[in-house]
Protein backbone atom coordinates (compact mmCIF):
# COMPACT_ATOMS: atom_id res chain seq x y z
CA MET A 1 -5.12 -69.80 14.30
CA ASN A 2 -5.02 -73.43 15.39
CA ILE A 3 -5.77 -73.43 19.10
CA LEU A 4 -5.06 -76.21 21.59
CA MET A 5 -7.18 -75.59 24.69
CA ILE A 6 -6.31 -77.84 27.64
CA GLU A 7 -9.15 -77.24 30.08
CA ASP A 8 -10.99 -79.69 32.34
CA ASN A 9 -14.13 -77.55 32.62
CA GLU A 10 -16.28 -78.52 29.65
CA ALA A 11 -18.59 -75.55 30.14
CA VAL A 12 -15.66 -73.17 29.72
CA SER A 13 -14.51 -75.05 26.61
CA GLU A 14 -17.99 -74.97 25.07
CA MET A 15 -18.27 -71.24 25.74
CA MET A 16 -14.87 -70.50 24.18
CA GLN A 17 -15.64 -72.71 21.18
CA MET A 18 -18.29 -70.19 20.09
CA PHE A 19 -15.87 -67.29 20.37
CA PHE A 20 -13.12 -69.17 18.54
CA LEU A 21 -15.50 -70.00 15.69
CA ASN A 22 -16.53 -66.35 15.51
CA GLU A 23 -12.86 -65.44 14.96
CA GLY A 24 -12.46 -68.13 12.32
CA TRP A 25 -10.05 -70.11 14.50
CA GLU A 26 -9.91 -73.89 14.72
CA ALA A 27 -9.75 -75.31 18.23
CA THR A 28 -9.02 -78.71 19.69
CA PHE A 29 -10.08 -79.34 23.29
CA LYS A 30 -8.45 -81.69 25.78
CA TYR A 31 -9.77 -82.16 29.29
CA ASP A 32 -6.76 -83.90 30.85
CA GLY A 33 -3.20 -82.66 31.25
CA GLN A 34 -1.49 -85.73 29.87
CA GLU A 35 -3.90 -85.93 26.93
CA GLY A 36 -3.23 -82.28 26.12
CA LEU A 37 0.52 -82.80 26.26
CA ASP A 38 0.23 -85.87 24.04
CA ALA A 39 -1.79 -83.88 21.50
CA PHE A 40 0.88 -81.20 21.39
CA MET A 41 3.72 -83.70 21.09
CA GLN A 42 2.06 -85.44 18.15
CA GLU A 43 2.09 -82.22 16.06
CA PRO A 44 4.24 -79.54 17.73
CA GLU A 45 4.35 -77.35 14.60
CA HIS A 46 0.57 -77.44 14.11
CA TRP A 47 -0.39 -75.22 17.02
CA ASP A 48 -0.41 -71.42 16.91
CA MET A 49 -1.58 -70.93 20.49
CA ILE A 50 -2.10 -72.97 23.65
CA THR A 51 -4.45 -72.08 26.49
CA LEU A 52 -3.64 -74.13 29.54
CA ASP A 53 -5.60 -74.58 32.74
CA LEU A 54 -3.51 -74.74 35.91
CA ASN A 55 -5.62 -77.33 37.70
CA LEU A 56 -5.85 -80.44 35.51
CA PRO A 57 -6.31 -84.14 36.15
CA SER A 58 -3.46 -86.53 35.43
CA LEU A 59 -0.84 -83.80 34.91
CA ASP A 60 -1.16 -80.22 36.18
CA GLY A 61 -0.67 -77.12 34.06
CA MET A 62 2.77 -76.34 35.51
CA ALA A 63 4.10 -79.73 34.44
CA VAL A 64 2.47 -79.49 31.01
CA ALA A 65 4.00 -76.07 30.38
CA ARG A 66 7.41 -77.31 31.45
CA GLU A 67 7.26 -80.26 29.05
CA ILE A 68 5.97 -78.13 26.15
CA ARG A 69 8.85 -75.69 26.61
CA LYS A 70 11.33 -78.57 26.29
CA ILE A 71 9.96 -79.11 22.76
CA SER A 72 9.14 -75.55 21.68
CA LYS A 73 10.52 -72.28 23.03
CA THR A 74 8.23 -70.21 20.84
CA VAL A 75 4.65 -71.53 20.84
CA PRO A 76 2.58 -68.95 22.78
CA ILE A 77 1.05 -70.23 26.03
CA ILE A 78 -1.68 -68.50 28.02
CA MET A 79 -2.30 -70.06 31.42
CA LEU A 80 -5.85 -70.06 32.81
CA THR A 81 -6.15 -70.38 36.56
CA ALA A 82 -8.80 -70.13 39.26
CA ARG A 83 -6.03 -69.44 41.74
CA ASP A 84 -5.41 -65.83 42.63
CA SER A 85 -2.17 -66.12 44.55
CA GLU A 86 0.88 -64.26 43.33
CA SER A 87 3.14 -67.29 43.74
CA ASP A 88 1.02 -69.49 41.45
CA GLN A 89 0.97 -66.88 38.72
CA VAL A 90 4.68 -66.12 38.91
CA ILE A 91 5.57 -69.83 38.93
CA GLY A 92 3.35 -70.33 35.89
CA LEU A 93 5.25 -67.62 34.02
CA GLU A 94 8.56 -69.11 35.12
CA MET A 95 7.48 -72.51 33.78
CA GLY A 96 7.17 -70.96 30.34
CA ALA A 97 3.74 -69.35 30.06
CA ASP A 98 3.69 -66.04 28.17
CA ASP A 99 0.62 -64.72 29.94
CA TYR A 100 -2.04 -65.75 32.43
CA VAL A 101 -5.74 -65.02 32.85
CA THR A 102 -7.46 -65.50 36.18
CA LYS A 103 -10.87 -67.18 36.31
CA PRO A 104 -13.61 -66.13 36.09
CA PHE A 105 -12.66 -64.24 32.95
CA SER A 106 -14.41 -62.43 30.13
CA PRO A 107 -14.17 -64.39 26.86
CA LEU A 108 -13.57 -61.11 25.02
CA THR A 109 -10.64 -60.36 27.33
CA LEU A 110 -9.11 -63.77 26.61
CA ILE A 111 -9.60 -63.30 22.86
CA ALA A 112 -7.91 -59.89 23.05
CA ARG A 113 -4.97 -61.35 24.97
CA MET A 114 -4.64 -64.16 22.43
CA LYS A 115 -4.68 -61.74 19.48
CA ALA A 116 -2.02 -59.53 21.06
CA LEU A 117 0.20 -62.48 21.89
CA HIS A 118 -0.22 -63.90 18.39
CA ARG A 119 0.74 -60.54 16.82
CA ARG A 120 3.94 -60.45 18.83
CA SER A 121 4.70 -64.06 17.93
CA GLU A 122 4.17 -63.45 14.21
CA LEU A 123 6.37 -60.35 14.31
CA ALA A 124 9.17 -62.27 16.02
CA GLU A 125 8.90 -65.07 13.47
CA SER A 126 8.97 -62.71 10.49
CA VAL A 127 12.06 -60.99 11.82
CA THR A 128 13.77 -64.31 12.44
CA THR A 129 13.14 -65.61 8.92
CA GLU A 130 14.53 -62.56 7.12
CA LYS A 131 17.72 -63.48 5.30
CA GLU A 132 19.33 -60.21 4.37
CA ASP A 133 21.96 -58.57 6.59
CA ASP A 134 21.88 -61.43 9.08
CA ASN A 135 25.29 -60.46 10.42
CA THR A 136 24.33 -56.87 11.18
CA PHE A 137 23.79 -56.08 14.85
CA ASP A 138 20.94 -53.73 15.69
CA ILE A 139 22.37 -52.79 19.09
CA VAL A 140 26.08 -52.51 19.82
CA THR A 141 27.58 -51.17 23.05
CA LYS A 142 31.01 -51.69 24.59
CA HIS A 143 30.06 -55.04 26.10
CA PHE A 144 26.74 -56.00 24.50
CA LYS A 145 25.22 -56.59 21.07
CA MET A 146 21.92 -57.85 19.68
CA ASN A 147 20.77 -59.08 16.27
CA THR A 148 17.00 -58.98 15.80
CA LYS A 149 17.15 -61.08 12.62
CA THR A 150 18.97 -64.02 14.16
CA ARG A 151 17.34 -63.31 17.55
CA GLU A 152 20.70 -63.50 19.29
CA ALA A 153 22.19 -61.44 22.12
CA TYR A 154 25.82 -61.45 23.25
CA LEU A 155 27.54 -60.18 26.38
CA ASP A 156 31.29 -59.73 25.80
CA ASP A 157 30.96 -61.94 22.69
CA THR A 158 29.35 -64.78 24.67
CA LEU A 159 25.89 -65.85 23.52
CA ILE A 160 23.10 -65.43 26.06
CA ASP A 161 21.53 -68.81 25.41
CA GLY A 162 17.93 -69.98 25.67
CA LEU A 163 16.11 -66.65 25.49
CA THR A 164 12.38 -67.05 24.93
CA PRO A 165 10.69 -64.65 22.46
CA LYS A 166 9.32 -62.55 25.31
CA GLU A 167 12.68 -62.43 27.10
CA PHE A 168 14.40 -61.36 23.89
CA ASP A 169 11.81 -58.64 23.25
CA LEU A 170 12.10 -57.43 26.84
CA LEU A 171 15.90 -57.28 26.64
CA TYR A 172 15.74 -55.50 23.27
CA THR A 173 13.28 -52.91 24.58
CA LEU A 174 15.58 -52.10 27.50
CA ALA A 175 18.88 -52.28 25.61
CA LYS A 176 17.94 -50.07 22.69
CA LYS A 177 17.71 -47.16 25.16
CA PRO A 178 20.61 -47.76 27.60
CA ARG A 179 20.24 -46.24 31.07
CA GLN A 180 16.67 -45.13 30.40
CA VAL A 181 14.42 -46.27 33.21
CA PHE A 182 11.22 -48.06 32.13
CA SER A 183 8.31 -48.48 34.49
CA ARG A 184 6.54 -51.82 34.64
CA GLU A 185 3.50 -50.23 33.00
CA GLN A 186 5.65 -49.03 30.08
CA LEU A 187 7.20 -52.47 29.61
CA LEU A 188 3.79 -54.14 29.65
CA GLU A 189 2.58 -51.84 26.88
CA LEU A 190 5.78 -52.01 24.79
CA VAL A 191 6.58 -55.72 25.11
CA TRP A 192 3.19 -57.34 25.66
CA ASP A 193 1.29 -54.96 23.38
CA TYR A 194 -1.55 -54.32 25.80
CA GLN A 195 -2.22 -53.12 29.31
CA TYR A 196 -2.45 -55.48 32.27
CA PHE A 197 -4.75 -53.20 34.23
CA GLY A 198 -2.32 -52.78 37.11
CA ASP A 199 -1.03 -56.36 37.22
CA GLU A 200 2.74 -55.96 36.86
CA ARG A 201 3.97 -59.27 38.27
CA THR A 202 4.48 -60.72 34.83
CA VAL A 203 7.26 -58.17 34.20
CA ASP A 204 9.04 -59.11 37.43
CA ALA A 205 8.80 -62.83 36.60
CA HIS A 206 10.29 -62.35 33.13
CA ILE A 207 13.01 -60.02 34.45
CA LYS A 208 13.96 -62.69 36.98
CA LYS A 209 14.33 -65.39 34.31
CA LEU A 210 16.17 -63.00 31.97
CA ARG A 211 18.64 -62.09 34.69
CA GLN A 212 19.32 -65.74 35.44
CA LYS A 213 20.28 -66.35 31.80
CA ILE A 214 22.45 -63.23 31.63
CA GLU A 215 24.30 -64.20 34.80
CA LYS A 216 25.30 -67.52 33.24
CA VAL A 217 27.58 -65.65 30.81
CA GLY A 218 28.68 -62.49 32.61
CA PRO A 219 27.87 -59.50 34.83
CA GLN A 220 24.29 -58.37 35.34
CA VAL A 221 23.23 -55.57 32.98
CA ILE A 222 19.55 -55.34 33.94
CA GLN A 223 19.33 -52.97 36.90
CA THR A 224 16.44 -52.30 39.26
CA VAL A 225 15.60 -48.67 39.97
CA TRP A 226 13.67 -49.02 43.19
CA GLY A 227 10.21 -47.51 43.19
CA VAL A 228 10.35 -46.86 39.42
CA GLY A 229 11.22 -49.90 37.28
CA TYR A 230 14.15 -51.33 35.32
CA LYS A 231 16.95 -50.19 33.02
CA PHE A 232 19.73 -51.63 30.88
CA ASP A 233 23.20 -50.45 31.87
CA ASP A 234 26.47 -52.15 30.95
CA SER A 235 28.66 -49.14 31.77
CA GLY A 236 29.82 -50.81 34.98
CA VAL A 237 30.96 -54.01 33.29
CA ALA A 238 34.72 -54.43 33.76
């Protein structure tokens, strides 16, 4: 992978450089938010993964993530933060990060997260680039349909626009088993490909953004089952 690490702590960057080299990955390090954003904008297609510190000089991680997402909806972003407040982490996910790791962190944990996120990204890309049967929908209900090859979802024939890869995968996981209730732990394992060790807020943050995009085109089909988790149900759509 080609890694862009935007991190103002040089000791952290030097430590991760050794681990990246051990994986055979090439990494570029930027210690300032604006410099990191400039590096991405110069070659948006070059980067396979971005690790992004929340607290950065010049331009903070939230702003950098927001600007990157204006250019690319698909490049994986892992946010690194010393903050441990729920609001910071949720806001980071809402700004476009796919995952977050709280400092201090184990380098091996970060590497594992990056590998899992990269696997999901590659799978999504391979599905998108397949040419055959592009017009075949994988999920069809009375009001809803999804095509995993074109990565499109429709509610009453209206496109649900702007879905990120994670939001699409989350919606697909729920919709392919209508009315089945999924716990947050199940969704973390199925959609994110690894366990979050009890940290389920990333699911809630992605569900919130997914619901906002669904509500732009029609009735809400992602339901909360209090004390359990979430389910897809379009049976109540008029």
